[in-house]
N, C-alpha and C. Protein backbone atom coordinates (compact mmCIF):
# COMPACT_ATOMS: atom_id res chain seq x y z
N MET A 1 -64.83 38.67 1.01
CA MET A 1 -64.49 37.76 -0.07
C MET A 1 -64.29 38.51 -1.37
N LYS A 2 -65.22 39.44 -1.70
CA LYS A 2 -65.12 40.17 -2.94
C LYS A 2 -63.88 41.04 -2.95
N ALA A 3 -63.55 41.61 -1.79
CA ALA A 3 -62.35 42.47 -1.72
C ALA A 3 -61.08 41.65 -1.99
N LYS A 4 -61.03 40.44 -1.44
CA LYS A 4 -59.86 39.59 -1.65
C LYS A 4 -59.74 39.18 -3.11
N GLN A 5 -60.88 38.88 -3.75
CA GLN A 5 -60.85 38.49 -5.16
C GLN A 5 -60.39 39.65 -6.04
N ILE A 6 -60.86 40.83 -5.71
CA ILE A 6 -60.45 42.01 -6.49
C ILE A 6 -58.96 42.25 -6.33
N PHE A 7 -58.47 42.11 -5.09
CA PHE A 7 -57.03 42.32 -4.82
C PHE A 7 -56.18 41.30 -5.57
N THR A 8 -56.69 40.06 -5.58
CA THR A 8 -55.96 38.99 -6.28
C THR A 8 -55.90 39.27 -7.78
N LYS A 9 -56.99 39.72 -8.35
CA LYS A 9 -57.02 40.03 -9.78
C LYS A 9 -56.08 41.18 -10.11
N ILE A 10 -56.02 42.17 -9.20
CA ILE A 10 -55.11 43.30 -9.43
C ILE A 10 -53.66 42.82 -9.44
N GLN A 11 -53.32 41.91 -8.49
CA GLN A 11 -51.95 41.39 -8.42
C GLN A 11 -51.60 40.62 -9.69
N ARG A 12 -52.51 39.75 -10.12
CA ARG A 12 -52.26 38.97 -11.33
C ARG A 12 -52.13 39.88 -12.54
N PHE A 13 -52.97 40.86 -12.61
CA PHE A 13 -52.93 41.78 -13.74
C PHE A 13 -51.62 42.56 -13.76
N GLY A 14 -51.19 42.99 -12.55
CA GLY A 14 -49.93 43.73 -12.48
C GLY A 14 -48.74 42.87 -12.88
N PHE A 15 -48.72 41.61 -12.43
CA PHE A 15 -47.60 40.71 -12.77
C PHE A 15 -47.57 40.44 -14.27
N ARG A 16 -48.74 40.16 -14.83
CA ARG A 16 -48.82 39.88 -16.27
C ARG A 16 -48.41 41.10 -17.08
N THR A 17 -48.82 42.26 -16.60
CA THR A 17 -48.45 43.49 -17.31
C THR A 17 -46.95 43.69 -17.30
N LEU A 18 -46.33 43.41 -16.11
CA LEU A 18 -44.88 43.56 -15.99
C LEU A 18 -44.15 42.60 -16.91
N VAL A 19 -44.58 41.32 -16.92
CA VAL A 19 -43.95 40.32 -17.78
C VAL A 19 -44.14 40.68 -19.24
N GLY A 20 -45.35 41.15 -19.57
CA GLY A 20 -45.63 41.52 -20.96
C GLY A 20 -44.75 42.66 -21.41
N ARG A 21 -44.56 43.64 -20.54
CA ARG A 21 -43.70 44.76 -20.91
C ARG A 21 -42.25 44.32 -21.11
N ILE A 22 -41.82 43.44 -20.25
CA ILE A 22 -40.44 42.98 -20.36
C ILE A 22 -40.22 42.20 -21.64
N THR A 23 -41.18 41.29 -21.94
CA THR A 23 -41.02 40.43 -23.12
C THR A 23 -41.26 41.16 -24.41
N CYS A 24 -41.99 42.20 -24.37
CA CYS A 24 -42.30 42.93 -25.59
C CYS A 24 -41.21 43.91 -25.99
N SER A 25 -40.39 44.31 -25.03
CA SER A 25 -39.31 45.24 -25.34
C SER A 25 -38.03 44.49 -25.62
N GLU A 26 -37.12 45.09 -26.41
CA GLU A 26 -35.84 44.46 -26.75
C GLU A 26 -34.97 44.32 -25.51
N ARG A 27 -35.01 45.32 -24.65
CA ARG A 27 -34.22 45.25 -23.42
C ARG A 27 -34.68 44.09 -22.54
N GLY A 28 -35.96 43.87 -22.50
CA GLY A 28 -36.49 42.77 -21.69
C GLY A 28 -36.05 41.42 -22.21
N VAL A 29 -36.07 41.25 -23.53
CA VAL A 29 -35.62 39.99 -24.13
C VAL A 29 -34.14 39.77 -23.85
N ALA A 30 -33.34 40.82 -23.99
CA ALA A 30 -31.90 40.70 -23.73
C ALA A 30 -31.63 40.36 -22.27
N LEU A 31 -32.42 40.95 -21.37
CA LEU A 31 -32.23 40.66 -19.95
C LEU A 31 -32.54 39.21 -19.64
N ILE A 32 -33.65 38.70 -20.19
CA ILE A 32 -34.00 37.30 -19.95
C ILE A 32 -32.95 36.37 -20.53
N PHE A 33 -32.46 36.68 -21.73
CA PHE A 33 -31.42 35.86 -22.35
C PHE A 33 -30.14 35.86 -21.52
N ALA A 34 -29.78 37.05 -21.03
CA ALA A 34 -28.57 37.15 -20.21
C ALA A 34 -28.70 36.35 -18.92
N LEU A 35 -29.89 36.40 -18.30
CA LEU A 35 -30.10 35.65 -17.07
C LEU A 35 -30.04 34.14 -17.30
N VAL A 36 -30.65 33.70 -18.40
CA VAL A 36 -30.61 32.27 -18.72
C VAL A 36 -29.18 31.83 -19.01
N LEU A 37 -28.46 32.66 -19.81
CA LEU A 37 -27.06 32.33 -20.13
C LEU A 37 -26.20 32.28 -18.87
N LEU A 38 -26.42 33.24 -17.95
CA LEU A 38 -25.68 33.26 -16.69
C LEU A 38 -25.95 32.01 -15.87
N LEU A 39 -27.22 31.57 -15.87
CA LEU A 39 -27.58 30.37 -15.14
C LEU A 39 -26.88 29.14 -15.72
N VAL A 40 -26.87 29.03 -17.05
CA VAL A 40 -26.22 27.88 -17.71
C VAL A 40 -24.72 27.87 -17.43
N VAL A 41 -24.09 29.05 -17.55
CA VAL A 41 -22.64 29.14 -17.28
C VAL A 41 -22.33 28.78 -15.83
N SER A 42 -23.18 29.22 -14.92
CA SER A 42 -22.96 28.91 -13.50
C SER A 42 -23.05 27.40 -13.26
N ILE A 43 -24.02 26.74 -13.89
CA ILE A 43 -24.16 25.29 -13.74
C ILE A 43 -22.94 24.57 -14.31
N ILE A 44 -22.50 25.01 -15.50
CA ILE A 44 -21.33 24.37 -16.13
C ILE A 44 -20.09 24.58 -15.27
N GLY A 45 -19.91 25.78 -14.74
CA GLY A 45 -18.75 26.06 -13.90
C GLY A 45 -18.74 25.23 -12.62
N SER A 46 -19.91 25.12 -11.99
CA SER A 46 -20.00 24.32 -10.76
C SER A 46 -19.72 22.85 -11.05
N SER A 47 -20.24 22.37 -12.18
CA SER A 47 -20.00 20.97 -12.55
C SER A 47 -18.53 20.71 -12.82
N ALA A 48 -17.87 21.65 -13.53
CA ALA A 48 -16.45 21.48 -13.82
C ALA A 48 -15.61 21.50 -12.55
N THR A 49 -15.96 22.39 -11.63
CA THR A 49 -15.23 22.46 -10.35
C THR A 49 -15.38 21.16 -9.56
N LEU A 50 -16.61 20.66 -9.50
CA LEU A 50 -16.86 19.42 -8.77
C LEU A 50 -16.11 18.25 -9.41
N THR A 51 -16.11 18.21 -10.75
CA THR A 51 -15.41 17.12 -11.46
C THR A 51 -13.91 17.17 -11.21
N SER A 52 -13.34 18.38 -11.24
CA SER A 52 -11.90 18.51 -11.00
C SER A 52 -11.53 18.09 -9.59
N GLN A 53 -12.38 18.44 -8.61
CA GLN A 53 -12.11 18.04 -7.23
C GLN A 53 -12.15 16.52 -7.08
N ILE A 54 -13.12 15.89 -7.73
CA ILE A 54 -13.21 14.43 -7.67
C ILE A 54 -11.99 13.78 -8.33
N ASP A 55 -11.55 14.34 -9.47
CA ASP A 55 -10.38 13.80 -10.17
C ASP A 55 -9.13 13.92 -9.32
N LEU A 56 -8.98 15.04 -8.62
CA LEU A 56 -7.82 15.22 -7.75
C LEU A 56 -7.81 14.22 -6.61
N LYS A 57 -8.99 13.99 -6.03
CA LYS A 57 -9.08 13.01 -4.95
C LYS A 57 -8.76 11.60 -5.44
N LEU A 58 -9.28 11.26 -6.63
CA LEU A 58 -9.03 9.93 -7.18
C LEU A 58 -7.55 9.74 -7.49
N SER A 59 -6.93 10.75 -8.10
CA SER A 59 -5.51 10.63 -8.43
C SER A 59 -4.66 10.54 -7.17
N GLY A 60 -5.06 11.30 -6.12
CA GLY A 60 -4.33 11.22 -4.86
C GLY A 60 -4.46 9.85 -4.22
N ASN A 61 -5.67 9.29 -4.24
CA ASN A 61 -5.88 7.95 -3.68
C ASN A 61 -5.10 6.90 -4.46
N THR A 62 -5.09 7.03 -5.79
CA THR A 62 -4.35 6.08 -6.62
C THR A 62 -2.86 6.13 -6.31
N LYS A 63 -2.33 7.33 -6.12
CA LYS A 63 -0.91 7.47 -5.80
C LYS A 63 -0.58 6.80 -4.47
N VAL A 64 -1.43 7.01 -3.48
CA VAL A 64 -1.18 6.41 -2.16
C VAL A 64 -1.25 4.89 -2.24
N ILE A 65 -2.23 4.36 -2.98
CA ILE A 65 -2.37 2.91 -3.12
C ILE A 65 -1.15 2.31 -3.80
N ARG A 66 -0.68 2.94 -4.87
CA ARG A 66 0.51 2.45 -5.57
C ARG A 66 1.74 2.50 -4.68
N THR A 67 1.85 3.59 -3.92
CA THR A 67 3.01 3.72 -3.02
C THR A 67 3.02 2.60 -1.99
N SER A 68 1.87 2.31 -1.40
CA SER A 68 1.81 1.24 -0.40
C SER A 68 2.16 -0.12 -1.02
N PHE A 69 1.74 -0.34 -2.27
CA PHE A 69 2.07 -1.60 -2.94
C PHE A 69 3.57 -1.70 -3.20
N TYR A 70 4.18 -0.62 -3.67
CA TYR A 70 5.62 -0.64 -3.95
C TYR A 70 6.43 -0.84 -2.67
N VAL A 71 5.96 -0.23 -1.58
CA VAL A 71 6.65 -0.42 -0.30
C VAL A 71 6.58 -1.87 0.15
N ALA A 72 5.38 -2.48 0.02
CA ALA A 72 5.23 -3.90 0.38
C ALA A 72 6.08 -4.78 -0.53
N ASP A 73 6.13 -4.47 -1.81
CA ASP A 73 6.95 -5.24 -2.74
C ASP A 73 8.43 -5.10 -2.41
N GLY A 74 8.82 -3.92 -1.94
CA GLY A 74 10.21 -3.73 -1.51
C GLY A 74 10.57 -4.64 -0.35
N GLY A 75 9.61 -4.89 0.55
CA GLY A 75 9.86 -5.81 1.66
C GLY A 75 10.10 -7.23 1.17
N ILE A 76 9.36 -7.65 0.13
CA ILE A 76 9.55 -8.98 -0.45
C ILE A 76 10.92 -9.09 -1.09
N MET A 77 11.38 -8.04 -1.76
CA MET A 77 12.68 -8.06 -2.42
C MET A 77 13.83 -7.98 -1.42
N LEU A 78 13.60 -7.31 -0.30
CA LEU A 78 14.66 -7.14 0.70
C LEU A 78 14.87 -8.37 1.57
N SER A 79 13.80 -9.07 1.90
CA SER A 79 13.87 -10.17 2.87
C SER A 79 14.87 -11.27 2.50
N PRO A 80 14.93 -11.76 1.25
CA PRO A 80 15.91 -12.80 0.93
C PRO A 80 17.35 -12.39 1.21
N LYS A 81 17.67 -11.12 0.96
CA LYS A 81 19.03 -10.66 1.23
C LYS A 81 19.32 -10.68 2.73
N VAL A 82 18.33 -10.29 3.53
CA VAL A 82 18.51 -10.32 4.98
C VAL A 82 18.66 -11.76 5.47
N ILE A 83 17.84 -12.65 4.95
CA ILE A 83 17.91 -14.06 5.35
C ILE A 83 19.28 -14.65 5.02
N SER A 84 19.75 -14.41 3.81
CA SER A 84 21.05 -14.95 3.40
C SER A 84 22.18 -14.40 4.27
N GLN A 85 22.12 -13.11 4.59
CA GLN A 85 23.17 -12.52 5.41
C GLN A 85 23.14 -13.09 6.82
N ILE A 86 21.95 -13.28 7.39
CA ILE A 86 21.85 -13.82 8.74
C ILE A 86 22.35 -15.27 8.78
N ILE A 87 22.01 -16.06 7.77
CA ILE A 87 22.47 -17.45 7.73
C ILE A 87 23.99 -17.50 7.61
N THR A 88 24.57 -16.59 6.83
CA THR A 88 26.03 -16.56 6.65
C THR A 88 26.74 -16.10 7.91
N ASP A 89 26.23 -15.02 8.53
CA ASP A 89 26.91 -14.43 9.70
C ASP A 89 26.50 -15.05 11.02
N ARG A 90 25.39 -15.81 11.03
CA ARG A 90 24.84 -16.36 12.27
C ARG A 90 24.53 -15.27 13.28
N ASP A 91 24.14 -14.10 12.77
CA ASP A 91 23.81 -12.98 13.65
C ASP A 91 23.01 -11.96 12.84
N LEU A 92 22.32 -11.06 13.53
CA LEU A 92 21.55 -10.02 12.86
C LEU A 92 22.47 -8.94 12.31
N PRO A 93 22.11 -8.31 11.20
CA PRO A 93 22.91 -7.19 10.68
C PRO A 93 22.98 -6.06 11.69
N THR A 94 24.09 -5.34 11.70
CA THR A 94 24.26 -4.23 12.62
C THR A 94 23.57 -2.97 12.07
N ALA A 95 23.42 -1.98 12.95
CA ALA A 95 22.81 -0.72 12.53
C ALA A 95 23.66 -0.02 11.48
N GLU A 96 24.98 -0.21 11.51
CA GLU A 96 25.85 0.40 10.51
C GLU A 96 25.66 -0.26 9.15
N GLN A 97 25.36 -1.55 9.13
CA GLN A 97 25.18 -2.25 7.86
C GLN A 97 23.84 -1.90 7.22
N THR A 98 22.81 -1.81 8.01
CA THR A 98 21.47 -1.47 7.49
C THR A 98 20.87 -0.39 8.39
N PRO A 99 21.24 0.87 8.20
CA PRO A 99 20.82 1.93 9.12
C PRO A 99 19.33 2.23 9.11
N LEU A 100 18.63 1.93 8.04
CA LEU A 100 17.21 2.25 7.94
C LEU A 100 16.30 1.11 8.37
N ILE A 101 16.87 -0.07 8.60
CA ILE A 101 16.07 -1.26 8.87
C ILE A 101 16.19 -1.65 10.34
N THR A 102 15.09 -2.05 10.92
CA THR A 102 15.09 -2.57 12.29
C THR A 102 14.63 -4.03 12.26
N TYR A 103 15.11 -4.80 13.23
CA TYR A 103 14.82 -6.23 13.29
C TYR A 103 14.24 -6.58 14.65
N ASP A 104 13.54 -7.71 14.69
CA ASP A 104 13.02 -8.21 15.96
C ASP A 104 14.19 -8.83 16.72
N ALA A 105 14.80 -8.01 17.56
CA ALA A 105 16.03 -8.42 18.24
C ALA A 105 15.80 -8.79 19.70
N TRP A 106 14.52 -8.98 20.10
CA TRP A 106 14.26 -9.35 21.49
C TRP A 106 14.90 -10.70 21.80
N LYS A 107 15.51 -10.80 22.97
CA LYS A 107 16.13 -12.07 23.34
C LYS A 107 16.30 -12.15 24.85
N LYS A 108 16.43 -13.37 25.30
CA LYS A 108 16.77 -13.62 26.70
C LYS A 108 18.28 -13.57 26.86
N SER A 109 18.69 -13.36 28.08
CA SER A 109 20.12 -13.28 28.37
C SER A 109 20.82 -14.59 27.98
N GLY A 110 21.85 -14.44 27.18
CA GLY A 110 22.64 -15.60 26.78
C GLY A 110 22.04 -16.39 25.62
N GLU A 111 20.92 -15.93 25.05
CA GLU A 111 20.29 -16.65 23.95
C GLU A 111 20.28 -15.78 22.69
N ASP A 112 19.81 -16.38 21.60
CA ASP A 112 19.76 -15.67 20.32
C ASP A 112 18.50 -14.83 20.22
N PRO A 113 18.53 -13.76 19.41
CA PRO A 113 17.33 -12.94 19.21
C PRO A 113 16.24 -13.69 18.45
N VAL A 114 15.03 -13.15 18.47
CA VAL A 114 13.87 -13.81 17.87
C VAL A 114 14.09 -14.10 16.39
N LEU A 115 14.51 -13.10 15.64
CA LEU A 115 14.63 -13.27 14.20
C LEU A 115 15.65 -14.32 13.83
N LEU A 116 16.76 -14.36 14.55
CA LEU A 116 17.78 -15.37 14.28
C LEU A 116 17.22 -16.77 14.55
N LYS A 117 16.50 -16.93 15.63
CA LYS A 117 15.90 -18.24 15.94
C LYS A 117 14.93 -18.67 14.84
N LYS A 118 14.10 -17.73 14.36
CA LYS A 118 13.12 -18.07 13.33
C LYS A 118 13.80 -18.48 12.03
N ILE A 119 14.82 -17.74 11.62
CA ILE A 119 15.49 -18.04 10.36
C ILE A 119 16.27 -19.34 10.44
N MET A 120 16.92 -19.59 11.56
CA MET A 120 17.73 -20.80 11.71
C MET A 120 16.89 -22.02 12.08
N GLY A 121 15.64 -21.79 12.46
CA GLY A 121 14.77 -22.91 12.81
C GLY A 121 14.95 -23.41 14.22
N PHE A 122 15.47 -22.57 15.11
CA PHE A 122 15.64 -22.96 16.51
C PHE A 122 14.29 -22.90 17.24
N SER A 123 14.14 -23.72 18.26
CA SER A 123 12.90 -23.74 19.02
C SER A 123 12.76 -22.46 19.85
N MET A 124 11.50 -22.02 20.05
CA MET A 124 11.23 -20.82 20.83
C MET A 124 10.17 -21.12 21.88
N ASP A 125 10.42 -20.69 23.11
CA ASP A 125 9.43 -20.91 24.17
C ASP A 125 8.33 -19.85 24.08
N SER A 126 7.43 -19.85 25.04
CA SER A 126 6.28 -18.95 25.00
C SER A 126 6.69 -17.48 25.05
N ASP A 127 7.75 -17.16 25.78
CA ASP A 127 8.21 -15.77 25.85
C ASP A 127 8.66 -15.30 24.47
N TYR A 128 9.40 -16.14 23.78
CA TYR A 128 9.85 -15.79 22.43
C TYR A 128 8.66 -15.67 21.48
N GLN A 129 7.72 -16.57 21.59
CA GLN A 129 6.56 -16.52 20.70
C GLN A 129 5.73 -15.26 20.93
N ASN A 130 5.57 -14.85 22.18
CA ASN A 130 4.85 -13.61 22.47
C ASN A 130 5.59 -12.40 21.92
N ALA A 131 6.91 -12.41 22.07
CA ALA A 131 7.70 -11.30 21.53
C ALA A 131 7.63 -11.27 20.01
N ASP A 132 7.56 -12.44 19.39
CA ASP A 132 7.48 -12.52 17.93
C ASP A 132 6.15 -11.96 17.43
N GLU A 133 5.08 -12.24 18.15
CA GLU A 133 3.75 -11.78 17.73
C GLU A 133 3.56 -10.29 17.94
N SER A 134 4.30 -9.70 18.83
CA SER A 134 4.09 -8.29 19.17
C SER A 134 4.82 -7.32 18.25
N SER A 135 5.73 -7.79 17.42
CA SER A 135 6.48 -6.88 16.55
C SER A 135 6.82 -7.56 15.23
N ALA A 136 7.13 -6.75 14.21
CA ALA A 136 7.49 -7.27 12.90
C ALA A 136 8.92 -7.80 12.93
N ASP A 137 9.20 -8.80 12.09
CA ASP A 137 10.55 -9.36 12.02
C ASP A 137 11.52 -8.38 11.36
N ILE A 138 11.07 -7.77 10.27
CA ILE A 138 11.87 -6.76 9.57
C ILE A 138 10.98 -5.55 9.35
N ALA A 139 11.47 -4.37 9.69
CA ALA A 139 10.65 -3.16 9.55
C ALA A 139 11.51 -2.02 9.05
N MET A 140 10.85 -1.11 8.35
CA MET A 140 11.52 0.09 7.86
C MET A 140 10.52 1.24 7.87
N GLU A 141 10.90 2.34 8.49
CA GLU A 141 10.06 3.52 8.58
C GLU A 141 10.67 4.62 7.71
N GLN A 142 9.91 5.06 6.69
CA GLN A 142 10.42 6.06 5.75
C GLN A 142 9.59 7.33 5.75
N GLY A 143 8.93 7.62 6.84
CA GLY A 143 8.19 8.85 6.98
C GLY A 143 7.06 8.97 5.96
N THR A 144 7.08 10.08 5.21
CA THR A 144 6.03 10.32 4.22
C THR A 144 6.06 9.33 3.07
N LEU A 145 7.18 8.63 2.88
CA LEU A 145 7.28 7.65 1.80
C LEU A 145 6.61 6.33 2.16
N GLY A 146 6.26 6.15 3.42
CA GLY A 146 5.58 4.92 3.83
C GLY A 146 6.41 4.10 4.80
N SER A 147 5.81 3.05 5.29
CA SER A 147 6.49 2.16 6.22
C SER A 147 6.28 0.71 5.79
N MET A 148 7.25 -0.13 6.13
CA MET A 148 7.24 -1.52 5.71
C MET A 148 7.37 -2.42 6.92
N ALA A 149 6.62 -3.52 6.94
CA ALA A 149 6.71 -4.51 8.02
C ALA A 149 6.61 -5.90 7.41
N VAL A 150 7.60 -6.74 7.68
CA VAL A 150 7.67 -8.08 7.09
C VAL A 150 7.65 -9.11 8.20
N ASP A 151 6.83 -10.14 8.03
CA ASP A 151 6.79 -11.26 8.96
C ASP A 151 7.31 -12.50 8.24
N LEU A 152 8.30 -13.16 8.83
CA LEU A 152 8.92 -14.35 8.24
C LEU A 152 8.45 -15.60 8.97
N THR A 153 8.26 -16.64 8.19
CA THR A 153 7.92 -17.94 8.76
C THR A 153 8.73 -19.01 8.05
N ARG A 154 9.45 -19.81 8.81
CA ARG A 154 10.18 -20.93 8.23
C ARG A 154 9.20 -22.08 8.05
N VAL A 155 8.91 -22.41 6.79
CA VAL A 155 7.85 -23.37 6.49
C VAL A 155 8.36 -24.80 6.52
N ALA A 156 9.46 -25.07 5.82
CA ALA A 156 9.93 -26.46 5.70
C ALA A 156 11.39 -26.48 5.27
N THR A 157 11.99 -27.65 5.45
CA THR A 157 13.36 -27.90 4.98
C THR A 157 13.34 -29.14 4.11
N ARG A 158 13.84 -29.00 2.90
CA ARG A 158 13.87 -30.13 1.97
C ARG A 158 15.31 -30.42 1.57
N TYR A 159 15.63 -31.71 1.52
CA TYR A 159 16.98 -32.12 1.16
C TYR A 159 17.01 -32.49 -0.31
N LEU A 160 17.95 -31.91 -1.02
CA LEU A 160 18.08 -32.10 -2.46
C LEU A 160 19.35 -32.87 -2.76
N SER A 161 19.29 -33.68 -3.79
CA SER A 161 20.49 -34.40 -4.23
C SER A 161 20.39 -34.61 -5.73
N GLY A 162 21.52 -34.83 -6.36
CA GLY A 162 21.54 -35.04 -7.80
C GLY A 162 22.67 -34.27 -8.43
N GLY A 163 22.90 -34.51 -9.72
CA GLY A 163 23.99 -33.85 -10.42
C GLY A 163 23.57 -32.52 -10.99
N GLY A 164 24.56 -31.73 -11.39
CA GLY A 164 24.29 -30.43 -11.96
C GLY A 164 23.48 -30.52 -13.23
N VAL A 165 23.68 -31.57 -14.03
CA VAL A 165 22.94 -31.72 -15.28
C VAL A 165 21.46 -31.96 -14.99
N GLU A 166 21.21 -32.78 -13.95
CA GLU A 166 19.82 -33.09 -13.59
C GLU A 166 19.05 -31.83 -13.22
N PHE A 167 19.73 -30.90 -12.52
CA PHE A 167 19.07 -29.69 -12.08
C PHE A 167 19.28 -28.55 -13.07
N ALA A 168 19.85 -28.84 -14.24
CA ALA A 168 20.09 -27.83 -15.28
C ALA A 168 20.88 -26.66 -14.72
N ALA A 169 21.85 -26.98 -13.86
CA ALA A 169 22.61 -25.93 -13.20
C ALA A 169 24.01 -25.80 -13.78
N GLY A 170 24.37 -26.56 -14.78
CA GLY A 170 25.70 -26.46 -15.35
C GLY A 170 26.76 -26.95 -14.39
N THR A 171 27.75 -26.12 -14.13
CA THR A 171 28.86 -26.52 -13.26
C THR A 171 28.70 -25.97 -11.84
N GLU A 172 27.63 -25.26 -11.57
CA GLU A 172 27.44 -24.74 -10.22
C GLU A 172 25.95 -24.69 -9.91
N GLY A 173 25.65 -24.60 -8.65
CA GLY A 173 24.24 -24.50 -8.25
C GLY A 173 23.77 -25.73 -7.51
N VAL A 174 22.47 -25.95 -7.53
CA VAL A 174 21.87 -27.04 -6.77
C VAL A 174 22.31 -28.38 -7.33
N GLY A 175 22.74 -29.26 -6.44
CA GLY A 175 23.03 -30.63 -6.83
C GLY A 175 24.35 -30.86 -7.50
N VAL A 176 25.28 -29.90 -7.50
CA VAL A 176 26.56 -30.06 -8.16
C VAL A 176 27.34 -31.21 -7.54
N GLY A 177 27.88 -32.08 -8.37
CA GLY A 177 28.71 -33.18 -7.89
C GLY A 177 27.93 -34.25 -7.17
N GLY A 178 26.63 -34.19 -7.19
CA GLY A 178 25.82 -35.23 -6.56
C GLY A 178 25.75 -35.12 -5.05
N ALA A 179 26.32 -34.04 -4.47
CA ALA A 179 26.29 -33.89 -3.01
C ALA A 179 24.92 -33.40 -2.57
N ALA A 180 24.46 -33.94 -1.46
CA ALA A 180 23.15 -33.54 -0.96
C ALA A 180 23.24 -32.14 -0.36
N THR A 181 22.20 -31.38 -0.52
CA THR A 181 22.13 -30.05 0.06
C THR A 181 20.71 -29.79 0.53
N ALA A 182 20.52 -28.72 1.29
CA ALA A 182 19.22 -28.43 1.88
C ALA A 182 18.62 -27.18 1.26
N ALA A 183 17.31 -27.23 1.03
CA ALA A 183 16.56 -26.07 0.57
C ALA A 183 15.57 -25.69 1.65
N ILE A 184 15.69 -24.47 2.17
CA ILE A 184 14.82 -24.00 3.24
C ILE A 184 13.75 -23.09 2.64
N ILE A 185 12.49 -23.38 2.94
CA ILE A 185 11.37 -22.62 2.40
C ILE A 185 10.89 -21.64 3.47
N TYR A 186 10.85 -20.37 3.09
CA TYR A 186 10.36 -19.32 3.98
C TYR A 186 9.10 -18.68 3.37
N ARG A 187 8.17 -18.37 4.24
CA ARG A 187 6.99 -17.61 3.84
C ARG A 187 7.20 -16.15 4.22
N LEU A 188 7.05 -15.26 3.25
CA LEU A 188 7.26 -13.84 3.47
C LEU A 188 5.93 -13.12 3.37
N ALA A 189 5.53 -12.44 4.42
CA ALA A 189 4.30 -11.64 4.42
C ALA A 189 4.70 -10.19 4.66
N SER A 190 4.60 -9.38 3.61
CA SER A 190 5.05 -7.98 3.67
C SER A 190 3.86 -7.05 3.61
N MET A 191 3.83 -6.06 4.49
CA MET A 191 2.78 -5.06 4.50
C MET A 191 3.39 -3.68 4.32
N GLY A 192 2.92 -2.96 3.31
CA GLY A 192 3.36 -1.59 3.08
C GLY A 192 2.25 -0.62 3.40
N THR A 193 2.58 0.44 4.12
CA THR A 193 1.61 1.45 4.51
C THR A 193 2.06 2.81 4.01
N ALA A 194 1.14 3.56 3.41
CA ALA A 194 1.44 4.88 2.89
C ALA A 194 0.31 5.83 3.23
N GLY A 195 0.61 7.13 3.16
CA GLY A 195 -0.39 8.14 3.50
C GLY A 195 -0.19 8.66 4.91
N THR A 196 -0.93 9.69 5.24
CA THR A 196 -0.85 10.28 6.57
C THR A 196 -2.17 10.05 7.31
N ALA A 197 -2.06 9.83 8.61
CA ALA A 197 -3.24 9.58 9.43
C ALA A 197 -4.17 10.79 9.39
N PRO A 198 -5.48 10.57 9.40
CA PRO A 198 -6.17 9.27 9.50
C PRO A 198 -6.39 8.58 8.16
N LYS A 199 -5.89 9.16 7.07
CA LYS A 199 -6.10 8.58 5.75
C LYS A 199 -4.84 7.83 5.33
N THR A 200 -4.79 6.55 5.64
CA THR A 200 -3.67 5.70 5.27
C THR A 200 -4.17 4.49 4.50
N THR A 201 -3.30 3.94 3.67
CA THR A 201 -3.64 2.77 2.87
C THR A 201 -2.56 1.71 3.06
N SER A 202 -2.96 0.46 3.17
CA SER A 202 -2.02 -0.64 3.36
C SER A 202 -2.19 -1.67 2.25
N SER A 203 -1.07 -2.24 1.84
CA SER A 203 -1.05 -3.31 0.84
C SER A 203 -0.31 -4.50 1.43
N ASN A 204 -0.81 -5.70 1.19
CA ASN A 204 -0.19 -6.92 1.71
C ASN A 204 0.22 -7.82 0.55
N ILE A 205 1.46 -8.29 0.59
CA ILE A 205 1.97 -9.21 -0.42
C ILE A 205 2.55 -10.42 0.30
N VAL A 206 2.18 -11.60 -0.15
CA VAL A 206 2.68 -12.84 0.44
C VAL A 206 3.44 -13.62 -0.64
N ALA A 207 4.63 -14.11 -0.30
CA ALA A 207 5.44 -14.84 -1.26
C ALA A 207 6.22 -15.93 -0.54
N GLN A 208 6.80 -16.83 -1.31
CA GLN A 208 7.68 -17.87 -0.76
C GLN A 208 9.09 -17.68 -1.30
N TYR A 209 10.05 -17.91 -0.42
CA TYR A 209 11.45 -17.79 -0.79
C TYR A 209 12.16 -19.11 -0.48
N ARG A 210 12.89 -19.63 -1.46
CA ARG A 210 13.63 -20.87 -1.26
C ARG A 210 15.11 -20.55 -1.15
N LYS A 211 15.66 -20.81 0.01
CA LYS A 211 17.08 -20.60 0.26
C LYS A 211 17.80 -21.94 0.20
N VAL A 212 18.69 -22.09 -0.78
CA VAL A 212 19.46 -23.33 -0.93
C VAL A 212 20.81 -23.13 -0.26
N ALA A 213 21.13 -23.98 0.69
CA ALA A 213 22.38 -23.86 1.43
C ALA A 213 23.57 -23.97 0.49
N GLY A 214 24.49 -23.04 0.61
CA GLY A 214 25.71 -23.07 -0.19
C GLY A 214 25.57 -22.45 -1.56
N VAL A 215 24.39 -21.95 -1.90
CA VAL A 215 24.15 -21.35 -3.21
C VAL A 215 23.64 -19.94 -3.01
N ALA A 216 24.24 -18.99 -3.72
CA ALA A 216 23.82 -17.61 -3.59
C ALA A 216 22.44 -17.42 -4.21
N GLY A 217 21.65 -16.54 -3.58
CA GLY A 217 20.35 -16.23 -4.14
C GLY A 217 19.29 -17.24 -3.79
N GLY A 218 18.21 -17.22 -4.50
CA GLY A 218 17.08 -18.12 -4.26
C GLY A 218 15.92 -17.66 -5.09
N ARG A 219 14.74 -18.14 -4.79
CA ARG A 219 13.57 -17.72 -5.56
C ARG A 219 12.31 -17.86 -4.72
């Protein structure tokens, strides 16, 4: 026991002597100051690096989220034009007319494709309904820029009548000359996806489009 106590006292004395020598000399003070300063600089540098990495991740995520929203919004803006063209032509647009867009063109022999039936309001049996549920009505794949998928639903048909003045349409538009016309209401559900797997982000936008027969455009 006495030997251990003596050894312990020698160790403590030696450590204290070493610290005292370091702190009492100018070189020792400078060394301690340099070590403390190095430690502070290292902490600040690590913190700045971590903060910059977090900022880069946040900005990247924000960019992907905005891209997915813009892609989904593009589907909402595109759908009315497709609907109007299909109603006018009574057929789906060709690949030459819209090379980047694909449509739900599944059909039985001698019948109309799914998308045409949905837009025109024709009845669909179980086979058509299953085909409709398995794929998007309007789709566009743009690689790294994102992908778009739109689902259309014909909600209702309303018959309008009245004069151009009543509808504030001037000499053209809804109700001109008091002739009855039809307004078809469509529900547009557009999903935009951006990013690369497994880190992808999707945005969904739902809107209604009113197509008035015989009148260009809609809302």
